Amino acid sequence: MPWWAIIILVAFIFLGIYVAGVFVYIYQMKEYDRRMAKHLEAIDVLIAQKYDLLRRISKIFVQLRIAVPPEFMIQARPKFEETLANIAPEERAVIKSFLMRTAQALFYYGEIDSGLAQHREYVGIKESYAEIDRQYRFTLNIYNADALGYNYWKDFFWFRWVARMRHYTEKDLIT
């Protein structure tokens, strides 16, 4: 076999491997998208659960007539699971900040009142909130890890042209 035929054969083998790599790349990017969408749904559910627990704590404050500044009383506000579906990362940060400030304030006022600090329902809600917050942070870390991986592979030199053709956009991290 002449030397040029061997070079052509090796080139076709490398081209075949590269084309197979392109298909694997496309599949992997779809998997990243699917996983990140699943994590975002889980984050939204956890945010809604945190909100509902804070509403329940607010109702306990009203029942026991514990004075709390009105901006932290969310018992009268509606549930907002439906509004979390298509929110921007900036809005997600505002919601996270609101929930964190409200939780800190309500738990602070709850610990000041010695009767409420021993209240069985309050203690149970507080433990549930801590568990949901732990799950939220865990899910958030997994989402951000997937987003970093997605962004890395989107800009990977050998497949960048595929990312441009398929209009892959950079994913934002959630802080």
C-alpha atoms as a PDB file:
ATOM      1  CA  MET A   1       0.000   0.000   0.000  1.00  0.00           C
ATOM      2  CA  PRO A   2       1.473   3.360  -0.972  1.00  0.00           C
ATOM      3  CA  TRP A   3       2.274   5.929   1.740  1.00  0.00           C
ATOM      4  CA  TRP A   4      -0.314   8.439   0.474  1.00  0.00           C
ATOM      5  CA  ALA A   5      -3.088   5.806   0.777  1.00  0.00           C
ATOM      6  CA  ILE A   6      -2.107   5.217   4.413  1.00  0.00           C
ATOM      7  CA  ILE A   7      -2.263   8.965   5.095  1.00  0.00           C
ATOM      8  CA  ILE A   8      -5.718   9.185   3.487  1.00  0.00           C
ATOM      9  CA  LEU A   9      -6.914   6.162   5.485  1.00  0.00           C
ATOM     10  CA  VAL A  10      -5.636   7.668   8.755  1.00  0.00           C
ATOM     11  CA  ALA A  11      -7.257  11.009   7.854  1.00  0.00           C
ATOM     12  CA  PHE A  12     -10.615   9.280   7.264  1.00  0.00           C
ATOM     13  CA  ILE A  13     -10.297   7.446  10.583  1.00  0.00           C
ATOM     14  CA  PHE A  14      -9.616  10.741  12.400  1.00  0.00           C
ATOM     15  CA  LEU A  15     -12.465  12.423  10.532  1.00  0.00           C
ATOM     16  CA  GLY A  16     -14.816   9.599  11.559  1.00  0.00           C
ATOM     17  CA  ILE A  17     -13.732   9.925  15.183  1.00  0.00           C
ATOM     18  CA  TYR A  18     -14.252  13.695  15.024  1.00  0.00           C
ATOM     19  CA  VAL A  19     -17.751  13.342  13.511  1.00  0.00           C
ATOM     20  CA  ALA A  20     -18.642  10.825  16.233  1.00  0.00           C
ATOM     21  CA  GLY A  21     -17.299  13.353  18.760  1.00  0.00           C
ATOM     22  CA  VAL A  22     -19.619  16.008  17.322  1.00  0.00           C
ATOM     23  CA  PHE A  23     -22.632  13.734  17.876  1.00  0.00           C
ATOM     24  CA  VAL A  24     -21.501  12.953  21.421  1.00  0.00           C
ATOM     25  CA  TYR A  25     -20.984  16.688  22.010  1.00  0.00           C
ATOM     26  CA  ILE A  26     -24.512  17.524  20.856  1.00  0.00           C
ATOM     27  CA  TYR A  27     -25.967  14.767  23.032  1.00  0.00           C
ATOM     28  CA  GLN A  28     -23.960  15.909  26.056  1.00  0.00           C
ATOM     29  CA  MET A  29     -25.079  19.521  25.648  1.00  0.00           C
ATOM     30  CA  LYS A  30     -28.714  18.363  25.503  1.00  0.00           C
ATOM     31  CA  GLU A  31     -28.117  16.425  28.716  1.00  0.00           C
ATOM     32  CA  TYR A  32     -26.680  19.534  30.377  1.00  0.00           C
ATOM     33  CA  ASP A  33     -29.779  21.489  29.309  1.00  0.00           C
ATOM     34  CA  ARG A  34     -32.103  18.798  30.623  1.00  0.00           C
ATOM     35  CA  ARG A  35     -30.306  18.526  33.974  1.00  0.00           C
ATOM     36  CA  MET A  36     -30.171  22.289  34.459  1.00  0.00           C
ATOM     37  CA  ALA A  37     -33.896  22.623  33.704  1.00  0.00           C
ATOM     38  CA  LYS A  38     -34.592  19.881  36.252  1.00  0.00           C
ATOM     39  CA  HIS A  39     -32.457  21.646  38.853  1.00  0.00           C
ATOM     40  CA  LEU A  40     -34.185  24.981  38.184  1.00  0.00           C
ATOM     41  CA  GLU A  41     -37.556  23.329  38.735  1.00  0.00           C
ATOM     42  CA  ALA A  42     -36.299  21.856  42.011  1.00  0.00           C
ATOM     43  CA  ILE A  43     -34.951  25.257  43.080  1.00  0.00           C
ATOM     44  CA  ASP A  44     -38.331  26.848  42.344  1.00  0.00           C
ATOM     45  CA  VAL A  45     -40.114  24.197  44.405  1.00  0.00           C
ATOM     46  CA  LEU A  46     -37.723  24.755  47.314  1.00  0.00           C
ATOM     47  CA  ILE A  47     -38.202  28.529  47.112  1.00  0.00           C
ATOM     48  CA  ALA A  48     -41.971  28.051  47.221  1.00  0.00           C
ATOM     49  CA  GLN A  49     -41.626  25.720  50.210  1.00  0.00           C
ATOM     50  CA  LYS A  50     -39.467  28.253  52.043  1.00  0.00           C
ATOM     51  CA  TYR A  51     -42.041  30.950  51.331  1.00  0.00           C
ATOM     52  CA  ASP A  52     -44.891  28.764  52.585  1.00  0.00           C
ATOM     53  CA  LEU A  53     -43.031  27.973  55.804  1.00  0.00           C
ATOM     54  CA  LEU A  54     -42.419  31.664  56.402  1.00  0.00           C
ATOM     55  CA  ARG A  55     -46.131  32.292  55.839  1.00  0.00           C
ATOM     56  CA  ARG A  56     -46.932  29.657  58.467  1.00  0.00           C
ATOM     57  CA  ILE A  57     -44.520  31.278  60.928  1.00  0.00           C
ATOM     58  CA  SER A  58     -46.166  34.646  60.264  1.00  0.00           C
ATOM     59  CA  LYS A  59     -49.551  33.113  61.054  1.00  0.00           C
ATOM     60  CA  ILE A  60     -48.199  31.788  64.365  1.00  0.00           C
ATOM     61  CA  PHE A  61     -46.950  35.293  65.176  1.00  0.00           C
ATOM     62  CA  VAL A  62     -50.423  36.683  64.496  1.00  0.00           C
ATOM     63  CA  GLN A  63     -52.095  33.949  66.589  1.00  0.00           C
ATOM     64  CA  LEU A  64     -49.787  34.581  69.550  1.00  0.00           C
ATOM     65  CA  ARG A  65     -49.927  38.374  69.085  1.00  0.00           C
ATOM     66  CA  ILE A  66     -46.175  38.813  68.772  1.00  0.00           C
ATOM     67  CA  ALA A  67     -45.162  42.248  67.511  1.00  0.00           C
ATOM     68  CA  VAL A  68     -43.145  42.127  64.294  1.00  0.00           C
ATOM     69  CA  PRO A  69     -42.571  44.922  61.751  1.00  0.00           C
ATOM     70  CA  PRO A  70     -45.243  44.640  59.037  1.00  0.00           C
ATOM     71  CA  GLU A  71     -42.763  44.231  56.156  1.00  0.00           C
ATOM     72  CA  PHE A  72     -41.848  40.792  57.545  1.00  0.00           C
ATOM     73  CA  MET A  73     -45.414  39.587  57.974  1.00  0.00           C
ATOM     74  CA  ILE A  74     -46.195  37.587  54.869  1.00  0.00           C
ATOM     75  CA  GLN A  75     -49.169  35.565  56.116  1.00  0.00           C
ATOM     76  CA  ALA A  76     -51.580  37.618  53.999  1.00  0.00           C
ATOM     77  CA  ARG A  77     -49.533  37.497  50.802  1.00  0.00           C
ATOM     78  CA  PRO A  78     -50.575  34.961  48.174  1.00  0.00           C
ATOM     79  CA  LYS A  79     -48.714  31.801  47.264  1.00  0.00           C
ATOM     80  CA  PHE A  80     -46.426  32.318  44.308  1.00  0.00           C
ATOM     81  CA  GLU A  81     -45.503  28.893  42.895  1.00  0.00           C
ATOM     82  CA  GLU A  82     -46.965  29.803  39.499  1.00  0.00           C
ATOM     83  CA  THR A  83     -44.952  33.008  39.176  1.00  0.00           C
ATOM     84  CA  LEU A  84     -41.597  31.226  39.525  1.00  0.00           C
ATOM     85  CA  ALA A  85     -41.828  29.502  36.156  1.00  0.00           C
ATOM     86  CA  ASN A  86     -40.251  32.118  33.881  1.00  0.00           C
ATOM     87  CA  ILE A  87     -38.287  34.506  36.053  1.00  0.00           C
ATOM     88  CA  ALA A  88     -34.943  36.039  35.214  1.00  0.00           C
ATOM     89  CA  PRO A  89     -31.824  35.385  37.299  1.00  0.00           C
ATOM     90  CA  GLU A  90     -31.970  38.956  38.639  1.00  0.00           C
ATOM     91  CA  GLU A  91     -35.526  38.407  39.878  1.00  0.00           C
ATOM     92  CA  ARG A  92     -34.457  35.092  41.401  1.00  0.00           C
ATOM     93  CA  ALA A  93     -31.763  36.950  43.357  1.00  0.00           C
ATOM     94  CA  VAL A  94     -34.325  39.475  44.624  1.00  0.00           C
ATOM     95  CA  ILE A  95     -36.639  36.677  45.785  1.00  0.00           C
ATOM     96  CA  LYS A  96     -33.739  34.901  47.485  1.00  0.00           C
ATOM     97  CA  SER A  97     -32.725  38.114  49.248  1.00  0.00           C
ATOM     98  CA  PHE A  98     -36.318  38.794  50.353  1.00  0.00           C
ATOM     99  CA  LEU A  99     -36.739  35.289  51.748  1.00  0.00           C
ATOM    100  CA  MET A 100     -33.395  35.412  53.538  1.00  0.00           C
ATOM    101  CA  ARG A 101     -34.112  38.792  55.181  1.00  0.00           C
ATOM    102  CA  THR A 102     -37.633  37.745  56.143  1.00  0.00           C
ATOM    103  CA  ALA A 103     -36.466  34.421  57.589  1.00  0.00           C
ATOM    104  CA  GLN A 104     -33.704  36.074  59.590  1.00  0.00           C
ATOM    105  CA  ALA A 105     -36.112  38.669  60.987  1.00  0.00           C
ATOM    106  CA  LEU A 106     -38.845  36.178  61.839  1.00  0.00           C
ATOM    107  CA  PHE A 107     -36.413  33.771  63.494  1.00  0.00           C
ATOM    108  CA  TYR A 108     -34.851  36.659  65.405  1.00  0.00           C
ATOM    109  CA  TYR A 109     -38.230  37.823  66.734  1.00  0.00           C
ATOM    110  CA  GLY A 110     -39.178  34.217  67.397  1.00  0.00           C
ATOM    111  CA  GLU A 111     -36.112  33.613  69.539  1.00  0.00           C
ATOM    112  CA  ILE A 112     -36.666  36.836  71.507  1.00  0.00           C
ATOM    113  CA  ASP A 113     -40.088  35.628  72.616  1.00  0.00           C
ATOM    114  CA  SER A 114     -39.416  32.808  75.094  1.00  0.00           C
ATOM    115  CA  GLY A 115     -42.909  31.349  74.681  1.00  0.00           C
ATOM    116  CA  LEU A 116     -42.583  31.087  70.923  1.00  0.00           C
ATOM    117  CA  ALA A 117     -39.061  29.653  71.089  1.00  0.00           C
ATOM    118  CA  GLN A 118     -40.566  26.673  72.952  1.00  0.00           C
ATOM    119  CA  HIS A 119     -43.694  26.474  70.777  1.00  0.00           C
ATOM    120  CA  ARG A 120     -43.768  22.991  69.205  1.00  0.00           C
ATOM    121  CA  GLU A 121     -45.116  24.065  65.804  1.00  0.00           C
ATOM    122  CA  TYR A 122     -42.619  26.945  65.562  1.00  0.00           C
ATOM    123  CA  VAL A 123     -39.690  24.639  66.374  1.00  0.00           C
ATOM    124  CA  GLY A 124     -40.910  22.113  63.788  1.00  0.00           C
ATOM    125  CA  ILE A 125     -41.266  24.778  61.114  1.00  0.00           C
ATOM    126  CA  LYS A 126     -37.841  26.152  61.964  1.00  0.00           C
ATOM    127  CA  GLU A 127     -36.272  22.688  61.575  1.00  0.00           C
ATOM    128  CA  SER A 128     -38.138  22.131  58.305  1.00  0.00           C
ATOM    129  CA  TYR A 129     -36.944  25.503  57.041  1.00  0.00           C
ATOM    130  CA  ALA A 130     -33.338  24.610  57.900  1.00  0.00           C
ATOM    131  CA  GLU A 131     -33.653  21.301  56.014  1.00  0.00           C
ATOM    132  CA  ILE A 132     -35.228  22.961  52.976  1.00  0.00           C
ATOM    133  CA  ASP A 133     -32.511  25.632  53.036  1.00  0.00           C
ATOM    134  CA  ARG A 134     -29.842  22.895  53.082  1.00  0.00           C
ATOM    135  CA  GLN A 135     -31.500  21.162  50.108  1.00  0.00           C
ATOM    136  CA  TYR A 136     -31.790  24.522  48.331  1.00  0.00           C
ATOM    137  CA  ARG A 137     -28.078  25.258  48.726  1.00  0.00           C
ATOM    138  CA  PHE A 138     -27.188  21.715  47.612  1.00  0.00           C
ATOM    139  CA  THR A 139     -29.384  21.935  44.490  1.00  0.00           C
ATOM    140  CA  LEU A 140     -28.049  25.408  43.750  1.00  0.00           C
ATOM    141  CA  ASN A 141     -24.472  24.121  43.892  1.00  0.00           C
ATOM    142  CA  ILE A 142     -25.295  21.266  41.518  1.00  0.00           C
ATOM    143  CA  TYR A 143     -27.012  23.659  39.100  1.00  0.00           C
ATOM    144  CA  ASN A 144     -24.030  26.034  39.159  1.00  0.00           C
ATOM    145  CA  ALA A 145     -21.615  23.137  38.590  1.00  0.00           C
ATOM    146  CA  ASP A 146     -23.630  22.018  35.567  1.00  0.00           C
ATOM    147  CA  ALA A 147     -23.790  25.601  34.286  1.00  0.00           C
ATOM    148  CA  LEU A 148     -20.016  25.916  34.567  1.00  0.00           C
ATOM    149  CA  GLY A 149     -19.566  22.628  32.703  1.00  0.00           C
ATOM    150  CA  TYR A 150     -22.010  23.703  30.023  1.00  0.00           C
ATOM    151  CA  ASN A 151     -20.253  27.043  29.580  1.00  0.00           C
ATOM    152  CA  TYR A 152     -16.867  25.332  29.386  1.00  0.00           C
ATOM    153  CA  TRP A 153     -17.978  22.889  26.699  1.00  0.00           C
ATOM    154  CA  LYS A 154     -19.850  25.599  24.803  1.00  0.00           C
ATOM    155  CA  ASP A 155     -16.537  27.409  24.320  1.00  0.00           C
ATOM    156  CA  PHE A 156     -14.405  24.297  23.771  1.00  0.00           C
ATOM    157  CA  PHE A 157     -12.148  24.971  20.794  1.00  0.00           C
ATOM    158  CA  TRP A 158     -12.813  21.839  18.739  1.00  0.00           C
ATOM    159  CA  PHE A 159     -16.604  22.107  18.937  1.00  0.00           C
ATOM    160  CA  ARG A 160     -17.144  25.863  19.150  1.00  0.00           C
ATOM    161  CA  TRP A 161     -18.500  25.934  15.615  1.00  0.00           C
ATOM    162  CA  VAL A 162     -21.192  23.387  16.592  1.00  0.00           C
ATOM    163  CA  ALA A 163     -22.193  25.556  19.570  1.00  0.00           C
ATOM    164  CA  ARG A 164     -22.556  28.567  17.291  1.00  0.00           C
ATOM    165  CA  MET A 165     -24.554  26.619  14.729  1.00  0.00           C
ATOM    166  CA  ARG A 166     -26.909  25.272  17.394  1.00  0.00           C
ATOM    167  CA  HIS A 167     -27.155  28.703  19.103  1.00  0.00           C
ATOM    168  CA  TYR A 168     -25.972  27.560  22.527  1.00  0.00           C
ATOM    169  CA  THR A 169     -25.995  30.524  24.873  1.00  0.00           C
ATOM    170  CA  GLU A 170     -23.993  30.919  28.044  1.00  0.00           C
ATOM    171  CA  LYS A 171     -25.861  29.902  31.187  1.00  0.00           C
ATOM    172  CA  ASP A 172     -25.959  32.288  34.133  1.00  0.00           C
ATOM    173  CA  LEU A 173     -24.889  31.148  37.550  1.00  0.00           C
ATOM    174  CA  ILE A 174     -27.315  31.625  40.398  1.00  0.00           C
ATOM    175  CA  THR A 175     -25.783  33.279  43.427  1.00  0.00           C
END
